[in-house]
Amino acid sequence: RKDPKLGDIIVDKNGMTVYRFAKDQAWPVSKSACT
């Protein structure tokens, strides 16, 4: 979705904005620090 302030951002099936957490990791494997 194109947000007026943020530009192109990802949304889910309900149109809700999707976010990332800076304390997570993607390499060498995906890992969530949010529990």
PDB file of all heavy atoms in Angstrom:
ATOM      1  N   ARG A   1       0.854  -1.187   0.000  1.00  0.00           N
ATOM      2  CA  ARG A   1       0.000   0.000   0.000  1.00  0.00           C
ATOM      3  C   ARG A   1       0.889   1.235   0.000  1.00  0.00           C
ATOM      4  O   ARG A   1       1.930   1.258   0.640  1.00  0.00           O
ATOM      5  CB  ARG A   1      -0.894   0.026   1.245  1.00  0.00           C
ATOM      6  CG  ARG A   1      -1.788   1.261   1.332  1.00  0.00           C
ATOM      7  CD  ARG A   1      -2.656   1.225   2.570  1.00  0.00           C
ATOM      8  NE  ARG A   1      -1.901   1.410   3.804  1.00  0.00           N
ATOM      9  CZ  ARG A   1      -1.510   2.586   4.274  1.00  0.00           C
ATOM     10  NH1 ARG A   1      -1.780   3.686   3.596  1.00  0.00           N
ATOM     11  NH2 ARG A   1      -0.844   2.675   5.405  1.00  0.00           N
ATOM     12  N   LYS A   2       0.454   2.258  -0.710  1.00  0.00           N
ATOM     13  CA  LYS A   2       1.218   3.506  -0.733  1.00  0.00           C
ATOM     14  C   LYS A   2       0.697   4.409   0.374  1.00  0.00           C
ATOM     15  O   LYS A   2      -0.420   4.914   0.313  1.00  0.00           O
ATOM     16  CB  LYS A   2       1.117   4.202  -2.089  1.00  0.00           C
ATOM     17  CG  LYS A   2       1.961   5.482  -2.183  1.00  0.00           C
ATOM     18  CD  LYS A   2       1.974   6.033  -3.586  1.00  0.00           C
ATOM     19  CE  LYS A   2       2.772   5.164  -4.528  1.00  0.00           C
ATOM     20  NZ  LYS A   2       4.221   5.121  -4.177  1.00  0.00           N
ATOM     21  N   ASP A   3       1.516   4.606   1.404  1.00  0.00           N
ATOM     22  CA  ASP A   3       1.139   5.473   2.506  1.00  0.00           C
ATOM     23  C   ASP A   3       1.555   6.908   2.174  1.00  0.00           C
ATOM     24  O   ASP A   3       2.638   7.127   1.620  1.00  0.00           O
ATOM     25  CB  ASP A   3       1.838   5.003   3.792  1.00  0.00           C
ATOM     26  CG  ASP A   3       1.448   5.813   4.998  1.00  0.00           C
ATOM     27  OD1 ASP A   3       0.411   5.498   5.606  1.00  0.00           O
ATOM     28  OD2 ASP A   3       2.179   6.769   5.333  1.00  0.00           O
ATOM     29  N   PRO A   4       0.714   7.877   2.500  1.00  0.00           N
ATOM     30  CA  PRO A   4       1.030   9.271   2.165  1.00  0.00           C
ATOM     31  C   PRO A   4       2.353   9.763   2.739  1.00  0.00           C
ATOM     32  O   PRO A   4       3.018  10.596   2.138  1.00  0.00           O
ATOM     33  CB  PRO A   4      -0.145  10.041   2.776  1.00  0.00           C
ATOM     34  CG  PRO A   4      -1.261   9.054   2.827  1.00  0.00           C
ATOM     35  CD  PRO A   4      -0.603   7.730   3.121  1.00  0.00           C
ATOM     36  N   LYS A   5       2.746   9.266   3.909  1.00  0.00           N
ATOM     37  CA  LYS A   5       3.976   9.724   4.555  1.00  0.00           C
ATOM     38  C   LYS A   5       5.138   8.757   4.403  1.00  0.00           C
ATOM     39  O   LYS A   5       6.292   9.174   4.269  1.00  0.00           O
ATOM     40  CB  LYS A   5       3.728   9.966   6.042  1.00  0.00           C
ATOM     41  CG  LYS A   5       2.740  11.085   6.332  1.00  0.00           C
ATOM     42  CD  LYS A   5       2.566  11.276   7.826  1.00  0.00           C
ATOM     43  CE  LYS A   5       1.604  12.427   8.123  1.00  0.00           C
ATOM     44  NZ  LYS A   5       1.413  12.616   9.587  1.00  0.00           N
ATOM     45  N   LEU A   6       4.859   7.453   4.405  1.00  0.00           N
ATOM     46  CA  LEU A   6       5.922   6.436   4.416  1.00  0.00           C
ATOM     47  C   LEU A   6       6.230   5.856   3.041  1.00  0.00           C
ATOM     48  O   LEU A   6       7.255   5.209   2.862  1.00  0.00           O
ATOM     49  CB  LEU A   6       5.542   5.304   5.372  1.00  0.00           C
ATOM     50  CG  LEU A   6       5.262   5.717   6.819  1.00  0.00           C
ATOM     51  CD1 LEU A   6       4.853   4.490   7.646  1.00  0.00           C
ATOM     52  CD2 LEU A   6       6.487   6.381   7.433  1.00  0.00           C
ATOM     53  N   GLY A   7       5.370   6.084   2.069  1.00  0.00           N
ATOM     54  CA  GLY A   7       5.580   5.510   0.748  1.00  0.00           C
ATOM     55  C   GLY A   7       5.052   4.085   0.686  1.00  0.00           C
ATOM     56  O   GLY A   7       4.089   3.730   1.371  1.00  0.00           O
ATOM     57  N   ASP A   8       5.677   3.239  -0.131  1.00  0.00           N
ATOM     58  CA  ASP A   8       5.225   1.852  -0.300  1.00  0.00           C
ATOM     59  C   ASP A   8       5.563   1.026   0.935  1.00  0.00           C
ATOM     60  O   ASP A   8       6.733   0.882   1.309  1.00  0.00           O
ATOM     61  CB  ASP A   8       5.882   1.207  -1.527  1.00  0.00           C
ATOM     62  CG  ASP A   8       5.334   1.768  -2.831  1.00  0.00           C
ATOM     63  OD1 ASP A   8       4.256   2.402  -2.787  1.00  0.00           O
ATOM     64  OD2 ASP A   8       5.968   1.574  -3.882  1.00  0.00           O
ATOM     65  N   ILE A   9       4.532   0.478   1.577  1.00  0.00           N
ATOM     66  CA  ILE A   9       4.726  -0.373   2.761  1.00  0.00           C
ATOM     67  C   ILE A   9       3.892  -1.637   2.620  1.00  0.00           C
ATOM     68  O   ILE A   9       2.899  -1.666   1.888  1.00  0.00           O
ATOM     69  CB  ILE A   9       4.351   0.363   4.064  1.00  0.00           C
ATOM     70  CG1 ILE A   9       2.878   0.794   4.030  1.00  0.00           C
ATOM     71  CG2 ILE A   9       5.281   1.536   4.301  1.00  0.00           C
ATOM     72  CD1 ILE A   9       2.400   1.406   5.336  1.00  0.00           C
ATOM     73  N   ILE A  10       4.278  -2.691   3.345  1.00  0.00           N
ATOM     74  CA  ILE A  10       3.562  -3.968   3.288  1.00  0.00           C
ATOM     75  C   ILE A  10       2.392  -3.960   4.254  1.00  0.00           C
ATOM     76  O   ILE A  10       2.484  -3.460   5.375  1.00  0.00           O
ATOM     77  CB  ILE A  10       4.508  -5.139   3.617  1.00  0.00           C
ATOM     78  CG1 ILE A  10       5.651  -5.201   2.588  1.00  0.00           C
ATOM     79  CG2 ILE A  10       3.767  -6.472   3.645  1.00  0.00           C
ATOM     80  CD1 ILE A  10       6.673  -6.290   2.878  1.00  0.00           C
ATOM     81  N   VAL A  11       1.261  -4.519   3.788  1.00  0.00           N
ATOM     82  CA  VAL A  11       0.091  -4.688   4.640  1.00  0.00           C
ATOM     83  C   VAL A  11      -0.359  -6.149   4.573  1.00  0.00           C
ATOM     84  O   VAL A  11      -0.049  -6.862   3.618  1.00  0.00           O
ATOM     85  CB  VAL A  11      -1.067  -3.764   4.213  1.00  0.00           C
ATOM     86  CG1 VAL A  11      -0.670  -2.307   4.370  1.00  0.00           C
ATOM     87  CG2 VAL A  11      -1.500  -4.052   2.780  1.00  0.00           C
ATOM     88  N   ASP A  12      -1.111  -6.591   5.612  1.00  0.00           N
ATOM     89  CA  ASP A  12      -1.589  -7.969   5.624  1.00  0.00           C
ATOM     90  C   ASP A  12      -2.935  -8.084   4.907  1.00  0.00           C
ATOM     91  O   ASP A  12      -3.402  -7.113   4.282  1.00  0.00           O
ATOM     92  CB  ASP A  12      -1.672  -8.505   7.061  1.00  0.00           C
ATOM     93  CG  ASP A  12      -2.772  -7.848   7.890  1.00  0.00           C
ATOM     94  OD1 ASP A  12      -3.531  -7.005   7.354  1.00  0.00           O
ATOM     95  OD2 ASP A  12      -2.882  -8.185   9.086  1.00  0.00           O
ATOM     96  N   LYS A  13      -3.599  -9.225   5.003  1.00  0.00           N
ATOM     97  CA  LYS A  13      -4.851  -9.465   4.279  1.00  0.00           C
ATOM     98  C   LYS A  13      -5.980  -8.559   4.718  1.00  0.00           C
ATOM     99  O   LYS A  13      -6.978  -8.396   4.003  1.00  0.00           O
ATOM    100  CB  LYS A  13      -5.272 -10.929   4.440  1.00  0.00           C
ATOM    101  CG  LYS A  13      -5.588 -11.326   5.877  1.00  0.00           C
ATOM    102  CD  LYS A  13      -5.967 -12.787   5.970  1.00  0.00           C
ATOM    103  CE  LYS A  13      -6.282 -13.173   7.424  1.00  0.00           C
ATOM    104  NZ  LYS A  13      -6.636 -14.620   7.531  1.00  0.00           N
ATOM    105  N   ASN A  14      -5.838  -7.965   5.901  1.00  0.00           N
ATOM    106  CA  ASN A  14      -6.853  -7.052   6.394  1.00  0.00           C
ATOM    107  C   ASN A  14      -6.504  -5.591   6.139  1.00  0.00           C
ATOM    108  O   ASN A  14      -7.204  -4.687   6.589  1.00  0.00           O
ATOM    109  CB  ASN A  14      -7.061  -7.271   7.898  1.00  0.00           C
ATOM    110  CG  ASN A  14      -7.542  -8.670   8.215  1.00  0.00           C
ATOM    111  OD1 ASN A  14      -8.478  -9.166   7.588  1.00  0.00           O
ATOM    112  ND2 ASN A  14      -6.897  -9.317   9.175  1.00  0.00           N
ATOM    113  N   GLY A  15      -5.411  -5.374   5.429  1.00  0.00           N
ATOM    114  CA  GLY A  15      -4.989  -4.021   5.142  1.00  0.00           C
ATOM    115  C   GLY A  15      -4.215  -3.372   6.266  1.00  0.00           C
ATOM    116  O   GLY A  15      -3.911  -2.172   6.215  1.00  0.00           O
ATOM    117  N   MET A  16      -3.869  -4.157   7.305  1.00  0.00           N
ATOM    118  CA  MET A  16      -3.148  -3.602   8.454  1.00  0.00           C
ATOM    119  C   MET A  16      -1.647  -3.534   8.175  1.00  0.00           C
ATOM    120  O   MET A  16      -1.066  -4.451   7.586  1.00  0.00           O
ATOM    121  CB  MET A  16      -3.401  -4.446   9.706  1.00  0.00           C
ATOM    122  CG  MET A  16      -4.876  -4.623  10.039  1.00  0.00           C
ATOM    123  SD  MET A  16      -5.757  -3.056  10.286  1.00  0.00           S
ATOM    124  CE  MET A  16      -5.049  -2.532  11.859  1.00  0.00           C
ATOM    125  N   THR A  17      -1.033  -2.445   8.623  1.00  0.00           N
ATOM    126  CA  THR A  17       0.394  -2.233   8.407  1.00  0.00           C
ATOM    127  C   THR A  17       1.237  -3.325   9.058  1.00  0.00           C
ATOM    128  O   THR A  17       0.965  -3.760  10.174  1.00  0.00           O
ATOM    129  CB  THR A  17       0.818  -0.868   8.980  1.00  0.00           C
ATOM    130  OG1 THR A  17       0.029   0.158   8.358  1.00  0.00           O
ATOM    131  CG2 THR A  17       2.293  -0.596   8.738  1.00  0.00           C
ATOM    132  N   VAL A  18       2.285  -3.768   8.337  1.00  0.00           N
ATOM    133  CA  VAL A  18       3.202  -4.806   8.810  1.00  0.00           C
ATOM    134  C   VAL A  18       4.497  -4.138   9.277  1.00  0.00           C
ATOM    135  O   VAL A  18       4.971  -3.169   8.661  1.00  0.00           O
ATOM    136  CB  VAL A  18       3.487  -5.817   7.675  1.00  0.00           C
ATOM    137  CG1 VAL A  18       4.693  -6.701   8.006  1.00  0.00           C
ATOM    138  CG2 VAL A  18       2.248  -6.682   7.428  1.00  0.00           C
ATOM    139  N   TYR A  19       5.064  -4.644  10.389  1.00  0.00           N
ATOM    140  CA  TYR A  19       6.256  -4.038  10.992  1.00  0.00           C
ATOM    141  C   TYR A  19       7.397  -5.041  11.176  1.00  0.00           C
ATOM    142  O   TYR A  19       7.190  -6.255  11.199  1.00  0.00           O
ATOM    143  CB  TYR A  19       5.910  -3.452  12.371  1.00  0.00           C
ATOM    144  CG  TYR A  19       4.860  -2.370  12.335  1.00  0.00           C
ATOM    145  CD1 TYR A  19       3.507  -2.688  12.461  1.00  0.00           C
ATOM    146  CD2 TYR A  19       5.213  -1.030  12.170  1.00  0.00           C
ATOM    147  CE1 TYR A  19       2.525  -1.698  12.428  1.00  0.00           C
ATOM    148  CE2 TYR A  19       4.246  -0.037  12.139  1.00  0.00           C
ATOM    149  CZ  TYR A  19       2.905  -0.378  12.261  1.00  0.00           C
ATOM    150  OH  TYR A  19       1.953   0.601  12.221  1.00  0.00           O
ATOM    151  N   ARG A  20       8.616  -4.482  11.350  1.00  0.00           N
ATOM    152  CA  ARG A  20       9.811  -5.242  11.714  1.00  0.00           C
ATOM    153  C   ARG A  20      10.336  -4.751  13.043  1.00  0.00           C
ATOM    154  O   ARG A  20      10.164  -3.593  13.406  1.00  0.00           O
ATOM    155  CB  ARG A  20      10.908  -5.054  10.660  1.00  0.00           C
ATOM    156  CG  ARG A  20      10.985  -6.147   9.596  1.00  0.00           C
ATOM    157  CD  ARG A  20      12.147  -5.905   8.662  1.00  0.00           C
ATOM    158  NE  ARG A  20      13.395  -5.568   9.371  1.00  0.00           N
ATOM    159  CZ  ARG A  20      14.524  -5.250   8.767  1.00  0.00           C
ATOM    160  NH1 ARG A  20      14.570  -5.214   7.443  1.00  0.00           N
ATOM    161  NH2 ARG A  20      15.603  -4.969   9.462  1.00  0.00           N
ATOM    162  N   PHE A  21      11.023  -5.665  13.786  1.00  0.00           N
ATOM    163  CA  PHE A  21      11.604  -5.359  15.084  1.00  0.00           C
ATOM    164  C   PHE A  21      13.123  -5.360  14.935  1.00  0.00           C
ATOM    165  O   PHE A  21      13.715  -6.348  14.509  1.00  0.00           O
ATOM    166  CB  PHE A  21      11.151  -6.408  16.094  1.00  0.00           C
ATOM    167  CG  PHE A  21      11.541  -6.152  17.518  1.00  0.00           C
ATOM    168  CD1 PHE A  21      11.727  -4.868  18.011  1.00  0.00           C
ATOM    169  CD2 PHE A  21      11.713  -7.219  18.396  1.00  0.00           C
ATOM    170  CE1 PHE A  21      12.069  -4.647  19.335  1.00  0.00           C
ATOM    171  CE2 PHE A  21      12.043  -7.017  19.728  1.00  0.00           C
ATOM    172  CZ  PHE A  21      12.230  -5.729  20.197  1.00  0.00           C
ATOM    173  N   ALA A  22      13.775  -4.255  15.296  1.00  0.00           N
ATOM    174  CA  ALA A  22      15.218  -4.115  15.099  1.00  0.00           C
ATOM    175  C   ALA A  22      16.034  -5.129  15.891  1.00  0.00           C
ATOM    176  O   ALA A  22      17.185  -5.407  15.555  1.00  0.00           O
ATOM    177  CB  ALA A  22      15.656  -2.697  15.475  1.00  0.00           C
ATOM    178  N   LYS A  23      15.459  -5.705  16.957  1.00  0.00           N
ATOM    179  CA  LYS A  23      16.199  -6.668  17.775  1.00  0.00           C
ATOM    180  C   LYS A  23      16.072  -8.109  17.260  1.00  0.00           C
ATOM    181  O   LYS A  23      16.677  -9.027  17.805  1.00  0.00           O
ATOM    182  CB  LYS A  23      15.737  -6.577  19.234  1.00  0.00           C
ATOM    183  CG  LYS A  23      16.024  -5.213  19.854  1.00  0.00           C
ATOM    184  CD  LYS A  23      15.614  -5.157  21.306  1.00  0.00           C
ATOM    185  CE  LYS A  23      15.857  -3.779  21.896  1.00  0.00           C
ATOM    186  NZ  LYS A  23      17.280  -3.387  21.885  1.00  0.00           N
ATOM    187  N   ASP A  24      15.288  -8.316  16.211  1.00  0.00           N
ATOM    188  CA  ASP A  24      15.213  -9.633  15.562  1.00  0.00           C
ATOM    189  C   ASP A  24      16.460  -9.862  14.711  1.00  0.00           C
ATOM    190  O   ASP A  24      17.293  -8.954  14.550  1.00  0.00           O
ATOM    191  CB  ASP A  24      13.977  -9.712  14.652  1.00  0.00           C
ATOM    192  CG  ASP A  24      12.684  -9.831  15.434  1.00  0.00           C
ATOM    193  OD1 ASP A  24      12.743 -10.047  16.660  1.00  0.00           O
ATOM    194  OD2 ASP A  24      11.614  -9.703  14.818  1.00  0.00           O
ATOM    195  N   GLN A  25      16.583 -11.072  14.137  1.00  0.00           N
ATOM    196  CA  GLN A  25      17.672 -11.329  13.199  1.00  0.00           C
ATOM    197  C   GLN A  25      17.146 -12.099  11.996  1.00  0.00           C
ATOM    198  O   GLN A  25      16.142 -12.809  12.077  1.00  0.00           O
ATOM    199  CB  GLN A  25      18.819 -12.121  13.848  1.00  0.00           C
ATOM    200  CG  GLN A  25      18.519 -13.577  14.141  1.00  0.00           C
ATOM    201  CD  GLN A  25      19.759 -14.345  14.603  1.00  0.00           C
ATOM    202  OE1 GLN A  25      20.575 -13.818  15.358  1.00  0.00           O
ATOM    203  NE2 GLN A  25      19.884 -15.585  14.151  1.00  0.00           N
ATOM    204  N   ALA A  26      17.804 -11.895  10.864  1.00  0.00           N
ATOM    205  CA  ALA A  26      17.435 -12.573   9.627  1.00  0.00           C
ATOM    206  C   ALA A  26      18.542 -13.489   9.142  1.00  0.00           C
ATOM    207  O   ALA A  26      18.310 -14.353   8.303  1.00  0.00           O
ATOM    208  CB  ALA A  26      17.126 -11.535   8.539  1.00  0.00           C
ATOM    209  N   TRP A  27      19.744 -13.327   9.655  1.00  0.00           N
ATOM    210  CA  TRP A  27      20.901 -14.088   9.179  1.00  0.00           C
ATOM    211  C   TRP A  27      21.680 -14.641  10.364  1.00  0.00           C
ATOM    212  O   TRP A  27      21.837 -13.937  11.374  1.00  0.00           O
ATOM    213  CB  TRP A  27      21.801 -13.167   8.352  1.00  0.00           C
ATOM    214  CG  TRP A  27      22.964 -13.851   7.722  1.00  0.00           C
ATOM    215  CD1 TRP A  27      23.031 -14.403   6.479  1.00  0.00           C
ATOM    216  CD2 TRP A  27      24.250 -14.050   8.310  1.00  0.00           C
ATOM    217  NE1 TRP A  27      24.262 -14.935   6.250  1.00  0.00           N
ATOM    218  CE2 TRP A  27      25.048 -14.737   7.365  1.00  0.00           C
ATOM    219  CE3 TRP A  27      24.832 -13.733   9.545  1.00  0.00           C
ATOM    220  CZ2 TRP A  27      26.362 -15.104   7.607  1.00  0.00           C
ATOM    221  CZ3 TRP A  27      26.148 -14.096   9.781  1.00  0.00           C
ATOM    222  CH2 TRP A  27      26.889 -14.774   8.825  1.00  0.00           C
ATOM    223  N   PRO A  28      22.136 -15.885  10.371  1.00  0.00           N
ATOM    224  CA  PRO A  28      21.997 -16.861   9.275  1.00  0.00           C
ATOM    225  C   PRO A  28      20.620 -17.520   9.213  1.00  0.00           C
ATOM    226  O   PRO A  28      20.319 -18.209   8.258  1.00  0.00           O
ATOM    227  CB  PRO A  28      23.066 -17.904   9.607  1.00  0.00           C
ATOM    228  CG  PRO A  28      23.146 -17.849  11.105  1.00  0.00           C
ATOM    229  CD  PRO A  28      22.949 -16.422  11.469  1.00  0.00           C
ATOM    230  N   VAL A  29      19.800 -17.304  10.238  1.00  0.00           N
ATOM    231  CA  VAL A  29      18.431 -17.832  10.220  1.00  0.00           C
ATOM    232  C   VAL A  29      17.495 -16.774  10.797  1.00  0.00           C
ATOM    233  O   VAL A  29      17.901 -15.908  11.563  1.00  0.00           O
ATOM    234  CB  VAL A  29      18.300 -19.128  11.048  1.00  0.00           C
ATOM    235  CG1 VAL A  29      19.054 -20.277  10.401  1.00  0.00           C
ATOM    236  CG2 VAL A  29      18.767 -18.899  12.480  1.00  0.00           C
ATOM    237  N   SER A  30      16.241 -16.865  10.446  1.00  0.00           N
ATOM    238  CA  SER A  30      15.246 -15.958  11.007  1.00  0.00           C
ATOM    239  C   SER A  30      15.068 -16.253  12.484  1.00  0.00           C
ATOM    240  O   SER A  30      14.940 -17.403  12.898  1.00  0.00           O
ATOM    241  CB  SER A  30      13.910 -16.139  10.287  1.00  0.00           C
ATOM    242  OG  SER A  30      14.025 -15.903   8.903  1.00  0.00           O
ATOM    243  N   LYS A  31      15.052 -15.216  13.300  1.00  0.00           N
ATOM    244  CA  LYS A  31      14.886 -15.397  14.732  1.00  0.00           C
ATOM    245  C   LYS A  31      14.168 -14.187  15.307  1.00  0.00           C
ATOM    246  O   LYS A  31      14.549 -13.048  15.051  1.00  0.00           O
ATOM    247  CB  LYS A  31      16.244 -15.575  15.410  1.00  0.00           C
ATOM    248  CG  LYS A  31      16.151 -15.862  16.906  1.00  0.00           C
ATOM    249  CD  LYS A  31      17.524 -16.109  17.499  1.00  0.00           C
ATOM    250  CE  LYS A  31      17.436 -16.411  18.992  1.00  0.00           C
ATOM    251  NZ  LYS A  31      18.780 -16.652  19.594  1.00  0.00           N
ATOM    252  N   SER A  32      13.125 -14.465  16.090  1.00  0.00           N
ATOM    253  CA  SER A  32      12.358 -13.389  16.701  1.00  0.00           C
ATOM    254  C   SER A  32      12.786 -13.158  18.140  1.00  0.00           C
ATOM    255  O   SER A  32      12.936 -14.106  18.922  1.00  0.00           O
ATOM    256  CB  SER A  32      10.860 -13.726  16.675  1.00  0.00           C
ATOM    257  OG  SER A  32      10.123 -12.817  17.468  1.00  0.00           O
ATOM    258  N   ALA A  33      12.970 -11.890  18.499  1.00  0.00           N
ATOM    259  CA  ALA A  33      13.282 -11.511  19.869  1.00  0.00           C
ATOM    260  C   ALA A  33      12.035 -11.019  20.598  1.00  0.00           C
ATOM    261  O   ALA A  33      12.106 -10.557  21.730  1.00  0.00           O
ATOM    262  CB  ALA A  33      14.356 -10.420  19.870  1.00  0.00           C
ATOM    263  N   CYS A  34      10.900 -11.100  19.930  1.00  0.00           N
ATOM    264  CA  CYS A  34       9.640 -10.642  20.511  1.00  0.00           C
ATOM    265  C   CYS A  34       8.864 -11.838  21.056  1.00  0.00           C
ATOM    266  O   CYS A  34       8.320 -12.642  20.290  1.00  0.00           O
ATOM    267  CB  CYS A  34       8.812  -9.902  19.461  1.00  0.00           C
ATOM    268  SG  CYS A  34       7.232  -9.280  20.061  1.00  0.00           S
ATOM    269  N   THR A  35       8.814 -11.978  22.366  1.00  0.00           N
ATOM    270  CA  THR A  35       8.115 -13.098  23.007  1.00  0.00           C
ATOM    271  C   THR A  35       7.268 -12.583  24.163  1.00  0.00           C
ATOM    272  O   THR A  35       7.362 -11.428  24.561  1.00  0.00           O
ATOM    273  CB  THR A  35       9.129 -14.135  23.549  1.00  0.00           C
ATOM    274  OG1 THR A  35       9.986 -13.487  24.506  1.00  0.00           O
ATOM    275  CG2 THR A  35       9.976 -14.722  22.428  1.00  0.00           C
TER     276      THR A  35
END
